[in-house]
Each structure stands twice: as C-alpha cells, then as structure tokens.
Protein backbone atom coordinates (compact mmCIF):
# COMPACT_ATOMS: atom_id res chain seq x y z
CA MET A 1 14.95 6.74 -17.96
CA GLN A 2 18.56 6.39 -17.92
CA ASN A 3 20.96 8.16 -20.23
CA LYS A 4 24.83 6.90 -20.65
CA SER A 5 26.76 7.88 -17.31
CA ASN A 6 23.77 5.70 -15.82
CA GLU A 7 21.88 8.59 -14.27
CA ILE A 8 18.40 9.15 -14.32
CA ASP A 9 17.50 11.92 -16.41
CA ILE A 10 13.17 11.89 -16.10
CA LYS A 11 11.00 11.23 -13.67
CA LEU A 12 9.25 8.17 -13.53
CA SER A 13 5.94 9.69 -14.26
CA ASP A 14 6.89 11.88 -17.02
CA TYR A 15 8.27 8.56 -18.40
CA LEU A 16 5.19 6.36 -18.64
CA SER A 17 3.41 9.35 -19.75
CA GLN A 18 5.51 10.19 -22.48
CA ASN A 19 5.70 6.28 -23.49
CA LEU A 20 2.21 5.47 -22.64
CA LEU A 21 0.60 8.84 -23.91
CA GLN A 22 -1.42 9.33 -21.45
CA ASP A 23 -1.93 11.94 -18.70
CA TYR A 24 -0.29 10.74 -15.57
CA SER A 25 -2.53 11.24 -13.10
CA THR A 26 -5.16 9.02 -15.19
CA LEU A 27 -2.54 6.16 -15.50
CA SER A 28 -2.05 6.42 -11.47
CA THR A 29 -5.71 6.23 -11.17
CA LEU A 30 -6.13 3.16 -13.38
CA PHE A 31 -3.32 1.83 -12.20
CA SER A 32 -3.94 1.95 -8.34
CA GLU A 33 -7.82 0.77 -9.11
CA THR A 34 -6.59 -2.33 -10.58
CA GLU A 35 -3.32 -3.37 -8.49
CA ASN A 36 -4.39 -1.46 -4.94
CA THR A 37 -1.34 0.17 -4.87
CA THR A 38 0.03 3.14 -6.30
CA ILE A 39 2.30 3.08 -9.28
CA GLU A 40 5.12 4.30 -7.00
CA LYS A 41 4.79 1.96 -4.21
CA TYR A 42 4.68 -0.97 -6.89
CA TYR A 43 8.05 0.28 -8.71
CA ILE A 44 9.81 0.62 -5.44
CA SER A 45 8.72 -2.86 -4.80
CA GLN A 46 9.93 -3.98 -8.25
CA ARG A 47 13.28 -2.31 -7.01
CA ILE A 48 13.79 -3.89 -4.02
CA GLU A 49 13.16 -7.18 -5.42
CA LYS A 50 15.88 -6.94 -7.60
CA VAL A 51 18.15 -5.68 -4.76
CA LYS A 52 17.48 -9.07 -3.07
CA GLU A 53 18.06 -11.32 -5.96
CA LEU A 54 21.22 -9.43 -6.57
CA LEU A 55 22.22 -9.61 -2.62
CA ILE A 56 21.07 -13.46 -2.97
CA TYR A 57 23.91 -13.92 -5.94
CA ASN A 58 26.49 -11.92 -3.61
CA GLU A 59 28.21 -11.05 -6.87
CA LEU A 60 28.28 -7.33 -6.11
CA THR A 61 28.84 -4.80 -3.16
CA LEU A 62 26.02 -2.78 -1.90
CA SER A 63 27.40 0.19 -3.37
CA GLU A 64 27.84 -1.48 -7.13
CA ILE A 65 23.87 -2.62 -6.73
CA ALA A 66 23.00 1.10 -5.47
CA PHE A 67 24.64 2.24 -8.84
CA GLN A 68 23.41 -0.19 -11.07
CA LEU A 69 19.76 0.46 -9.89
CA ASN A 70 19.90 3.91 -9.68
CA TYR A 71 19.69 4.81 -6.20
CA SER A 72 21.14 8.35 -5.76
CA SER A 73 23.29 6.90 -2.75
CA VAL A 74 23.73 3.50 -0.58
CA ALA A 75 22.23 5.11 2.27
CA HIS A 76 19.01 5.88 0.30
CA LEU A 77 18.69 1.95 -0.98
CA SER A 78 19.52 0.50 2.34
CA ASN A 79 16.34 2.98 4.04
CA GLN A 80 14.16 2.53 1.24
CA PHE A 81 15.37 -1.46 1.51
CA LYS A 82 14.52 -1.10 5.56
CA LYS A 83 11.52 0.26 5.25
CA VAL A 84 9.90 -2.51 2.77
CA THR A 85 11.39 -5.64 3.97
CA GLY A 86 11.92 -4.70 7.86
CA PHE A 87 15.44 -6.01 7.39
CA SER A 88 18.73 -3.92 6.69
CA PRO A 89 20.39 -5.14 3.46
CA SER A 90 23.36 -6.83 5.52
CA TYR A 91 20.72 -8.84 7.80
CA PHE A 92 18.77 -9.92 5.23
CA LYS A 93 22.01 -11.23 3.42
CA GLN A 94 22.57 -13.12 6.77
CA LEU A 95 19.50 -14.55 6.87
CA LYS A 96 20.07 -15.61 3.29
CA ASP A 97 23.63 -17.73 4.57
CA ARG A 98 21.72 -19.41 7.59
CA LYS A 99 18.98 -21.02 5.79
CA ARG A 100 21.37 -22.40 3.24
CA LYS A 101 22.32 -25.70 4.40
CA GLN A 102 25.65 -27.03 3.32
CA ILE A 103 25.59 -30.48 1.23
CA ASP A 104 27.42 -32.39 3.82
CA ASN A 105 24.81 -31.17 6.44
CA ILE A 106 21.77 -32.72 5.12
C-alpha cells in the first residue's frame, strides 16, 4: 500500500481485492457479517490504536506519527482520533500522564 516515499499509492479496497483475489464487495459483505463492522471502520480503529500506542510511548511528535501512519495531515489524524475516541490526541496524552503515578507517591 506504500511506495518508497511513504505515500499511499493504492486504495484499501483495491489492495485487499488484489491481494486476496476477491471482489471487494464480496470481501466487505463477508467481513461485515463476521465482525459486525465495516472493513473501513475496522481499519480506522486499528490505525487509531497504533496512534494511541505511539502517543503513550511519547517518542514521536504528532506530525511524525501522522507521517508514519500515512495520514494526509496532522489535522486529519486529529479529527479522526477525536471522532473515534472522543478525545483530542493532546488530551489523550494528558490522561495518560495523569494516570501514571510516580514511584515515590505509591
């Protein structure tokens, strides 16, 4: 799905159809019946889980995360993150920091 410059050069539906040698509508119907969600929603939720993981590790900026996960922009990542989680990425990071207790406070 990516070329060497880290850009997406094929749609998810085309990628799945080509690699699984099935019509996308057949794959989509089967997936939806089995998982009770669409392929697209599942794919987005997996990407957001990866964003959460990278935010928790706190080693990359949001721009770097957006680039690494092939989002078209930080704004797109942020909007999708908020739509799925209900939180902005920066608020999510704050929640993680609040829940972590310092060892001398235990």
